Structure formats: C-alpha cells, structure tokens
Protein backbone atom coordinates (compact mmCIF):
# COMPACT_ATOMS: atom_id res chain seq x y z
CA MET A 1 -7.59 22.70 -10.53
CA ASN A 2 -11.09 22.85 -12.09
CA GLY A 3 -12.64 23.11 -8.65
CA GLY A 4 -10.69 20.23 -7.13
CA CYS A 5 -7.27 19.49 -5.66
CA GLN A 6 -4.64 17.70 -7.68
CA TYR A 7 -2.20 16.05 -5.30
CA THR A 8 0.96 14.02 -5.50
CA SER A 9 1.21 10.37 -4.48
CA SER A 10 2.05 11.52 -0.93
CA PHE A 11 -1.30 13.18 -0.23
CA GLN A 12 -5.01 12.47 -0.43
CA GLY A 13 -8.35 13.96 0.57
CA PRO A 14 -10.72 16.46 -1.12
CA LYS A 15 -8.37 19.33 -0.30
CA CYS A 16 -5.07 17.37 -0.25
CA GLU A 17 -5.16 17.82 3.52
CA TYR A 18 -4.13 14.29 4.50
CA ALA A 19 -0.92 12.35 3.93
CA THR A 20 -1.25 8.87 2.40
CA GLU A 21 -1.29 6.01 4.90
CA VAL A 22 1.47 4.09 3.04
CA ILE A 23 4.52 5.34 1.16
CA GLU A 24 5.69 2.80 -1.41
CA VAL A 25 9.46 2.90 -1.78
CA LYS A 26 12.19 0.90 -3.48
CA ALA A 27 14.84 0.66 -0.81
CA GLU A 28 18.23 -0.76 -1.78
CA VAL A 29 21.58 -1.22 -0.08
CA ASN A 30 24.78 -0.97 -2.11
CA VAL A 31 27.26 -3.70 -1.21
CA THR A 32 30.70 -4.36 -2.63
CA VAL A 33 32.48 -7.61 -3.44
CA ASP A 34 36.21 -7.71 -4.11
CA VAL A 35 37.26 -10.02 -6.96
CA LYS A 36 40.76 -10.92 -8.19
CA LEU A 37 40.74 -12.50 -11.64
CA GLN A 38 43.60 -13.70 -13.86
CA ILE A 39 43.29 -12.54 -17.49
CA THR A 40 45.04 -15.05 -19.74
CA SER A 41 44.42 -13.43 -23.12
CA HIS A 42 46.51 -10.31 -22.46
CA LYS A 43 50.17 -9.79 -21.63
CA PHE A 44 51.15 -7.49 -18.84
CA THR A 45 53.02 -4.35 -19.94
CA PRO A 46 54.47 -1.44 -17.94
CA GLU A 47 51.88 0.89 -19.48
CA LEU A 48 49.14 -0.89 -17.54
CA LYS A 49 50.65 0.45 -14.32
CA ASP A 50 49.82 4.01 -15.39
CA ASN A 51 46.13 4.86 -15.46
CA THR A 52 46.79 7.86 -17.72
CA THR A 53 48.01 5.76 -20.67
CA GLN A 54 45.79 4.87 -23.58
CA GLU A 55 46.64 1.21 -23.16
CA TYR A 56 45.37 1.26 -19.59
CA LYS A 57 42.17 3.07 -20.62
CA ASN A 58 41.50 0.61 -23.45
CA PHE A 59 42.12 -2.38 -21.22
CA THR A 60 39.85 -0.94 -18.51
CA LEU A 61 37.04 -0.32 -20.97
CA ASP A 62 37.31 -3.81 -22.47
CA PHE A 63 37.44 -5.43 -19.06
CA LYS A 64 34.37 -3.59 -17.76
CA GLN A 65 32.39 -4.45 -20.86
CA GLN A 66 33.40 -8.11 -20.62
CA MET A 67 32.59 -8.41 -16.91
CA LYS A 68 29.28 -6.62 -17.37
CA LEU A 69 28.28 -9.55 -19.57
CA VAL A 70 29.60 -12.03 -17.02
CA TYR A 71 27.79 -10.49 -14.04
CA SER A 72 24.60 -9.41 -15.85
CA ASN A 73 22.78 -12.58 -14.81
CA VAL A 74 23.06 -11.50 -11.18
CA PRO A 75 19.88 -9.39 -10.73
CA GLU A 76 21.49 -7.07 -8.20
CA TYR A 77 24.55 -6.25 -10.37
CA LYS A 78 25.21 -2.52 -10.77
CA ASP A 79 28.80 -1.75 -11.79
CA VAL A 80 32.48 -2.74 -11.81
CA ILE A 81 35.32 -0.56 -10.56
CA LEU A 82 38.97 -1.47 -11.24
CA LYS A 83 41.64 -1.01 -8.62
CA LEU A 84 45.12 0.24 -9.54
CA THR A 85 46.81 -2.95 -8.39
CA ASN A 86 47.06 -4.97 -11.60
CA SER A 87 50.07 -7.23 -11.26
CA TYR A 88 52.29 -9.38 -13.44
CA GLN A 89 51.86 -13.10 -12.99
CA GLN A 90 53.30 -15.66 -15.39
CA GLY A 91 52.83 -13.43 -18.42
CA SER A 92 49.18 -12.66 -17.63
CA ILE A 93 47.34 -9.89 -15.78
CA VAL A 94 45.62 -10.25 -12.43
CA VAL A 95 42.86 -7.67 -12.21
CA ASP A 96 41.67 -6.64 -8.78
CA HIS A 97 38.21 -5.15 -9.17
CA VAL A 98 35.18 -4.28 -7.07
CA VAL A 99 31.71 -5.46 -8.06
CA ILE A 100 28.92 -3.17 -6.84
CA LEU A 101 25.56 -4.78 -6.14
CA ALA A 102 22.29 -3.05 -5.20
CA LEU A 103 20.46 -5.44 -2.87
CA PRO A 104 16.73 -4.84 -2.33
CA VAL A 105 15.79 -4.34 1.31
CA THR A 106 13.53 -7.26 2.27
CA GLU A 107 13.18 -9.74 5.09
CA LYS A 108 15.80 -11.83 3.26
CA LEU A 109 18.40 -9.05 2.97
CA ASN A 110 21.03 -10.73 5.15
CA LYS A 111 20.56 -14.09 3.41
CA THR A 112 20.84 -12.43 0.00
CA PHE A 113 24.07 -10.75 1.08
CA GLU A 114 25.50 -14.06 2.23
CA ASN A 115 24.88 -15.56 -1.20
CA VAL A 116 26.27 -12.78 -3.44
CA ALA A 117 29.88 -13.98 -3.43
CA GLY A 118 28.83 -17.48 -4.45
CA GLN A 119 26.62 -16.12 -7.23
CA LEU A 120 29.47 -14.08 -8.70
CA LYS A 121 31.82 -17.06 -8.50
CA THR A 122 29.26 -19.21 -10.33
CA GLN A 123 28.85 -16.63 -13.10
CA ILE A 124 32.63 -16.46 -13.58
CA GLU A 125 32.86 -20.26 -13.88
CA MET A 126 29.96 -20.43 -16.35
CA ALA A 127 31.44 -17.65 -18.51
CA ALA A 128 34.85 -19.37 -18.53
CA GLU A 129 33.29 -22.58 -19.87
CA ASN A 130 31.83 -20.73 -22.86
CA GLN A 131 34.71 -18.40 -23.72
CA ASN A 132 36.53 -18.60 -27.05
CA CYS A 133 40.28 -18.42 -26.44
CA ASN A 134 41.74 -19.79 -29.69
CA GLY A 135 43.83 -16.69 -30.30
CA SER A 136 41.79 -15.27 -33.20
CA SER A 137 38.98 -13.96 -31.00
CA SER A 138 39.03 -10.48 -29.47
CA GLU A 139 37.21 -11.82 -26.41
CA MET A 140 38.95 -11.27 -23.09
CA CYS A 141 39.67 -14.67 -21.54
CA PHE A 142 40.29 -15.48 -17.90
CA ASN A 143 41.12 -18.35 -15.60
CA SER A 144 38.07 -19.08 -13.43
CA SER A 145 40.01 -21.32 -11.04
CA SER A 146 42.13 -18.34 -10.04
CA ALA A 147 39.14 -16.21 -9.10
CA ASP A 148 39.29 -14.92 -5.54
CA VAL A 149 35.92 -13.56 -4.39
CA SER A 150 35.43 -11.93 -1.00
CA LYS A 151 32.61 -9.68 0.17
CA GLU A 152 32.91 -6.79 2.58
CA THR A 153 30.86 -6.25 5.73
CA MET A 154 27.15 -5.79 5.24
CA PRO A 155 26.37 -2.06 5.58
CA THR A 156 23.85 -0.98 8.21
CA PHE A 157 20.40 -0.03 6.97
CA ASN A 158 18.29 2.25 9.20
CA GLY A 159 14.67 1.69 8.14
CA THR A 160 13.26 4.29 10.52
CA LYS A 161 15.54 7.02 9.20
CA TYR A 162 14.88 5.96 5.62
CA CYS A 163 11.10 6.31 6.06
CA GLN A 164 11.43 9.64 7.81
CA GLU A 165 13.42 10.98 4.87
CA ALA A 166 10.96 9.47 2.34
CA ALA A 167 7.96 11.11 4.03
CA PRO A 168 6.60 14.52 3.03
CA GLU A 169 8.15 17.42 4.93
CA GLY A 170 6.71 17.67 8.43
CA TYR A 171 5.26 14.13 8.43
CA GLY A 172 8.38 12.03 9.05
CA GLN A 173 7.57 11.21 12.66
CA ILE A 174 4.34 9.35 11.78
CA TYR A 175 5.85 6.72 9.45
CA PHE A 176 7.75 3.57 10.35
CA PRO A 177 9.28 0.74 8.26
CA ASN A 178 7.44 -2.46 7.46
CA LEU A 179 9.59 -5.27 6.05
CA THR A 180 8.06 -8.08 4.00
CA LYS A 181 9.31 -10.77 1.64
CA SER A 182 8.70 -8.47 -1.32
CA GLY A 183 10.35 -5.35 0.08
CA LEU A 184 10.07 -2.35 2.36
CA SER A 185 7.17 0.05 2.72
CA CYS A 186 6.75 3.04 5.01
CA VAL A 187 3.51 2.64 6.94
CA SER A 188 1.60 4.51 9.63
CA ASN A 189 -0.91 3.78 12.36
CA CYS A 190 -3.61 4.32 9.73
CA THR A 191 -2.35 1.32 7.74
CA LYS A 192 -4.48 -1.78 8.19
CA SER A 193 -2.92 -5.09 9.26
CA THR A 194 0.09 -3.37 10.84
CA PRO A 195 1.03 -3.06 14.53
CA GLY A 196 -0.60 -0.04 16.15
CA PHE A 197 -3.43 0.24 13.61
CA ILE A 198 -6.12 2.68 14.79
CA SER A 199 -9.69 1.52 14.18
CA CYS A 200 -12.02 4.47 13.73
CA ASN A 201 -15.33 2.55 13.76
CA HIS A 202 -17.80 4.88 11.96
CA GLY A 203 -14.95 6.96 10.55
CA GLN A 204 -11.63 6.84 8.77
CA CYS A 205 -8.10 7.18 10.06
CA GLN A 206 -6.33 10.09 8.36
CA LEU A 207 -2.80 11.45 8.71
CA THR A 208 -2.38 15.10 9.63
CA ARG A 209 0.75 16.98 10.67
CA ALA A 210 -0.30 16.37 14.28
CA GLY A 211 -0.45 12.63 13.67
CA PRO A 212 -3.18 10.04 13.00
CA GLN A 213 -6.72 11.26 13.64
CA CYS A 214 -10.15 9.65 13.29
CA ILE A 215 -12.31 11.66 10.90
CA CYS A 216 -15.93 10.68 11.52
CA SER A 217 -18.10 10.11 8.46
CA GLU A 218 -21.28 12.02 7.50
CA MET A 219 -20.84 14.70 10.14
CA GLY A 220 -23.84 16.55 8.69
CA LEU A 221 -26.14 13.65 9.54
CA TYR A 222 -24.71 12.37 12.83
CA TRP A 223 -23.32 13.47 16.19
CA TYR A 224 -20.45 11.43 17.63
CA PRO A 225 -20.48 11.68 21.44
CA THR A 226 -17.67 9.12 22.02
CA GLU A 227 -14.19 8.64 20.59
CA PRO A 228 -13.05 7.40 18.17
CA CYS A 229 -16.31 7.72 16.21
CA ALA A 230 -17.54 4.72 18.23
CA THR A 231 -21.21 5.66 18.61
CA ARG A 232 -23.31 8.05 16.58
CA ILE A 233 -26.68 9.73 16.98
CA SER A 234 -28.84 10.67 14.02
CA LYS A 235 -29.50 14.39 13.85
CA LEU A 236 -32.61 13.69 11.78
CA GLY A 237 -33.90 11.26 14.36
CA ILE A 238 -33.38 13.75 17.17
CA GLY A 239 -34.99 16.48 15.08
CA LEU A 240 -38.06 14.37 14.47
CA GLY A 241 -38.18 13.37 18.11
CA VAL A 242 -38.02 16.98 19.26
CA GLY A 243 -40.69 17.95 16.72
CA VAL A 244 -43.01 15.20 17.92
CA ALA A 245 -42.41 16.15 21.55
CA VAL A 246 -43.19 19.80 20.84
CA LEU A 247 -46.32 18.78 18.93
CA VAL A 248 -47.47 16.62 21.85
CA ILE A 249 -46.89 19.43 24.34
CA VAL A 250 -48.69 21.99 22.18
CA SER A 251 -51.55 19.57 21.66
CA ALA A 252 -51.79 18.98 25.39
CA ILE A 253 -51.82 22.69 26.15
CA LEU A 254 -54.48 23.34 23.51
CA GLY A 255 -56.49 20.45 24.89
CA VAL A 256 -56.39 22.00 28.37
CA PHE A 257 -57.51 25.38 27.08
CA LEU A 258 -60.32 23.84 25.05
CA PHE A 259 -61.47 21.80 28.05
CA ARG A 260 -61.48 24.87 30.32
CA ALA A 261 -63.30 26.95 27.71
CA LYS A 262 -65.93 24.26 27.30
CA ARG A 263 -66.53 24.10 31.07
CA MET A 264 -66.86 27.83 31.40
CA LYS A 265 -69.42 27.90 28.55
CA THR A 266 -71.44 25.17 30.23
CA GLN A 267 -71.52 27.05 33.55
CA PHE A 268 -72.96 30.18 31.94
C-alpha cells in the first residue's frame, strides 16, 4: 500500500517476507472444580428435579448470578455449570455445580492449579460471613461449612503443539514454547536470550519458510566470504585498490616507453 507492504503482527520486513521472531500469545488452560453447597434460604420442591420447569430455570439463574459474585474475586474464574443432582437435605437444597477456571500458562501453572480449590473455599467462607439471611432479603444464602470442594486432574498442555498452531501457515516448525513467570511466548532461533539463538554477526537473523537464515547487512557495500556474515570486505575499498593498482601498472608501462623513447632519441 502506497509503495510499501502493510503486514500483520506475524510478519515483518520491507516486503513482508519474514515471519516475526516472537509470537506473543495468551495461553490458558481450562480446569474444573466440583463444588457441593447447601442452600439454606430455599426449600427443595419436586419441580427442581425437572430442568424444564420454570422453577428450576429461575433457581438456576439466581444461583449462577449469586455464585458469580462469590467467585469473582478469583482472577481465573470463568463460569458455573449446575449438575442435575440437586438433592433434598433437611429442608434445604444441596447444589452440585462445576466451577470453570481459565488458568494462565506460566512457570507456576501447576502451583496455581494446586491452590484453586482452597481459593474457592475461602471465597465461599468470606461470602457466607457477609450474607443477609434474615428472611426479608432475596439474597440466596448458603452454609459454608457444608461446602465440599474437589478439583479434577490437571489437563495436559502441549506447548509445542500450541505454538505450531499459533504460527502463520507454513512456519509452525520453526517456533517453540518459552515459559516464564509472566506467561508463554512462542519463540524461534532468531529470538535473543533463548536456547539455540543464532548470532549473525554483521547481519540479522530472519525467519523464512525454510527456517532461520542470516541476512547480511549492506550487501551493496560489502562482500561476505564466510558464514554467517562473520567477515566482510568493502567493495569500495577493493575498487579503490584495483584502481590504484591499474594506475601504477599503467604508469610503469608509460614510464618504460618514455625511457626507451628517450634512449633512442639520444642515440640518433
């Protein structure tokens, strides 16, 4: 456009011919935690066994809205899904529900997963301390001491596959995952401070479909006889050197001819 290339965040170069050395991503893993919670402000009725009834739908909506407030202080909270196993227990309702959390993929992923059940339990206890259950409030009340929180197995995250899928088409094989405290990024051998970084000396590492390549700088001014752009020879310097050499040779030849001509003139 307007004499130049306009490229996406995945490409760079004057003609968009090179892939970027790093792909910034926001990798997350969805994990689920099963929670059983006794609701004390509602009576169990047969209609709550049927998910097609209006009573069930109203209760489900109220419960999700209430628990969204309870779990909202957990940064990774995403959603709540009710199971169809609500049961009668001493005039109250025990709701079995699944809390979905989106955990960021970092070096601390496993530690974060180990802590999620405790965080949810803490939020339930804190909400129970502040709830208004005097009978005139429409707030849904629950018994925090009855809360049963159990997380499922941590799902497997394949960083290599994730980066291959995040890469531009045809470039997947040249990216690999790099985990840090702040998150995941997809890097290449052109990325500085990463294992396998390629130093190009008097050039720059660029990503092509064939893989990382050293593109030597100022090719119009220099020759690069060794790889990767390790040594360079000035074309201008060689040109001047050749010119001087030619001038010296021509001068020498002219000098010889002048000397011979002078001798011949002297003899006659």
